[in-house]
Structure formats: C-alpha cells, structure tokens
Amino acid sequence: MRIGLLGFGTVGKGVYKLIAPRADMQVVRVLCRRDLELDDAAVTHSFDDILNDPTIDTVVEAMGGLHPAYEYVKAALEAGKNVVTPNKALVCTFYEELLALAKEKGVS
C-alpha cells in the first residue's frame, strides 16, 4: 500500500510513525503546510501532488475539520484512490455522499 498522508499534526505524525516500520505500507507523500523534511517521504504543500501521483493508491486524511478535508477526500475517491480518515465531523456530515462515490469508483 502506497499512501499519501494529508496532515502532519498529532494524528498525521502518529499514522506516519505506525506505518514507518511496516514492509507492506509506505507513506510516499505528506501534505503539510509547514516546511518539513522526511527521509523516506516527499513533503508537499500541494494536494495535487498526491492526487496526481499514480503510485499512491490510498489517501489518509488526518487534517480534521470539514474544509478542505471534504474536497480532498472527494477528489481522491473520484481519482480511484482508497481513503482512510479518523475525521468524525467529515464522516458524519458527508457519509452518504462519500460512501456512494466510493462504491461508484470501486474503492474503499
């Protein structure tokens, strides 16, 4: 699994640390507003870098809030990428729409 990670706060950093030692998963790119250097993942300020990377099959949204998280998750699903999010506000507000889109695109 090749992952694009959205956000590198407390949750995003925790996800990154959990994935780092795994052989079956790799964080390929991290979307972060601040400058950050990681040895094993490219850091970007543009979501398009993650969206347009054909090697990324899964997007982990760890930004929180509704916007731009909703727009990013929707775009990722439309692009045929799986999405994982702990964002309760996002899921509660847009669950039916995002679930239908995931089913339509054949992703989780």
Protein backbone atom coordinates (compact mmCIF):
# COMPACT_ATOMS: atom_id res chain seq x y z
CA MET A 1 0.00 0.00 0.00
CA ARG A 2 1.40 3.38 -1.06
CA ILE A 3 -0.02 6.23 0.97
CA GLY A 4 -0.50 9.95 0.56
CA LEU A 5 -0.84 11.43 4.05
CA LEU A 6 -2.84 14.64 4.44
CA GLY A 7 -1.67 16.49 7.54
CA PHE A 8 1.27 16.03 9.87
CA GLY A 9 -0.07 17.19 13.22
CA THR A 10 -0.61 14.88 16.17
CA VAL A 11 -2.74 12.36 14.24
CA GLY A 12 -0.79 12.52 10.98
CA LYS A 13 2.53 12.12 12.74
CA GLY A 14 1.13 9.16 14.67
CA VAL A 15 -0.04 7.50 11.46
CA TYR A 16 3.37 8.09 9.90
CA LYS A 17 5.16 6.51 12.88
CA LEU A 18 2.86 3.47 12.86
CA ILE A 19 3.41 2.87 9.15
CA ALA A 20 7.18 3.55 9.05
CA PRO A 21 8.34 0.10 10.27
CA ARG A 22 5.88 -1.85 8.12
CA ALA A 23 7.06 -3.58 4.97
CA ASP A 24 3.57 -3.73 3.42
CA MET A 25 2.87 0.02 3.65
CA GLN A 26 4.79 3.16 2.77
CA VAL A 27 3.98 6.83 3.17
CA VAL A 28 5.06 8.21 -0.20
CA ARG A 29 4.00 11.86 0.15
CA VAL A 30 2.91 14.07 3.03
CA LEU A 31 0.80 17.19 2.62
CA CYS A 32 1.91 19.69 5.21
CA ARG A 33 1.58 23.49 5.49
CA ARG A 34 4.93 23.89 7.21
CA ASP A 35 8.34 23.02 5.84
CA LEU A 36 9.29 19.55 6.89
CA GLU A 37 11.96 17.08 5.87
CA LEU A 38 11.43 13.34 5.99
CA ASP A 39 13.97 10.74 4.92
CA ASP A 40 11.50 8.35 3.31
CA ALA A 41 8.63 10.52 2.03
CA ALA A 42 8.31 13.61 -0.13
CA VAL A 43 6.71 16.60 1.58
CA THR A 44 4.43 18.84 -0.44
CA HIS A 45 2.30 21.93 0.06
CA SER A 46 0.02 20.94 -2.84
CA PHE A 47 -2.69 18.29 -2.67
CA ASP A 48 -2.42 17.92 -6.45
CA ASP A 49 0.98 16.25 -5.97
CA ILE A 50 -0.76 13.46 -4.07
CA LEU A 51 -3.87 13.36 -6.24
CA ASN A 52 -1.88 13.11 -9.48
CA ASP A 53 0.68 10.57 -8.25
CA PRO A 54 -0.37 7.30 -9.92
CA THR A 55 1.71 5.25 -7.47
CA ILE A 56 -0.41 6.35 -4.49
CA ASP A 57 -3.38 4.02 -4.01
CA THR A 58 -4.54 5.21 -0.59
CA VAL A 59 -5.03 8.65 0.92
CA VAL A 60 -5.07 9.06 4.70
CA GLU A 61 -6.81 12.30 5.69
CA ALA A 62 -5.56 13.46 9.09
CA MET A 63 -6.26 17.17 8.77
CA GLY A 64 -9.54 17.39 10.64
CA GLY A 65 -12.37 19.82 10.06
CA LEU A 66 -14.72 19.90 7.10
CA HIS A 67 -12.87 22.02 4.58
CA PRO A 68 -10.64 21.42 2.71
CA ALA A 69 -10.75 17.83 4.02
CA TYR A 70 -14.06 17.16 2.23
CA GLU A 71 -12.80 18.46 -1.10
CA TYR A 72 -9.57 16.44 -0.82
CA VAL A 73 -11.34 13.21 0.18
CA LYS A 74 -13.92 13.60 -2.58
CA ALA A 75 -11.22 14.27 -5.19
CA ALA A 76 -9.20 11.25 -4.00
CA LEU A 77 -12.25 8.96 -4.31
CA GLU A 78 -13.06 10.37 -7.74
CA ALA A 79 -9.47 9.62 -8.78
CA GLY A 80 -9.91 5.97 -7.74
CA LYS A 81 -7.90 6.12 -4.52
CA ASN A 82 -8.93 4.44 -1.28
CA VAL A 83 -9.44 6.82 1.64
CA VAL A 84 -8.94 6.39 5.38
CA THR A 85 -9.99 9.12 7.81
CA PRO A 86 -10.46 9.47 11.56
CA ASN A 87 -12.37 12.72 10.91
CA LYS A 88 -15.73 12.27 12.65
CA ALA A 89 -17.09 15.64 11.53
CA LEU A 90 -16.34 14.83 7.90
CA VAL A 91 -17.84 11.33 8.09
CA CYS A 92 -20.99 12.48 9.92
CA THR A 93 -21.60 15.35 7.52
CA PHE A 94 -20.80 13.69 4.18
CA TYR A 95 -21.11 9.95 4.89
CA GLU A 96 -23.86 9.06 2.40
CA GLU A 97 -22.31 11.08 -0.44
CA LEU A 98 -18.77 9.77 0.09
CA LEU A 99 -19.91 6.17 0.56
CA ALA A 100 -21.90 6.31 -2.70
CA LEU A 101 -18.92 7.81 -4.50
CA ALA A 102 -16.58 5.12 -3.14
CA LYS A 103 -18.97 2.39 -4.31
CA GLU A 104 -19.28 4.02 -7.75
CA LYS A 105 -15.50 4.19 -8.14
CA GLY A 106 -14.85 0.72 -6.69
CA VAL A 107 -12.70 1.93 -3.80
CA SER A 108 -12.97 1.80 -0.03
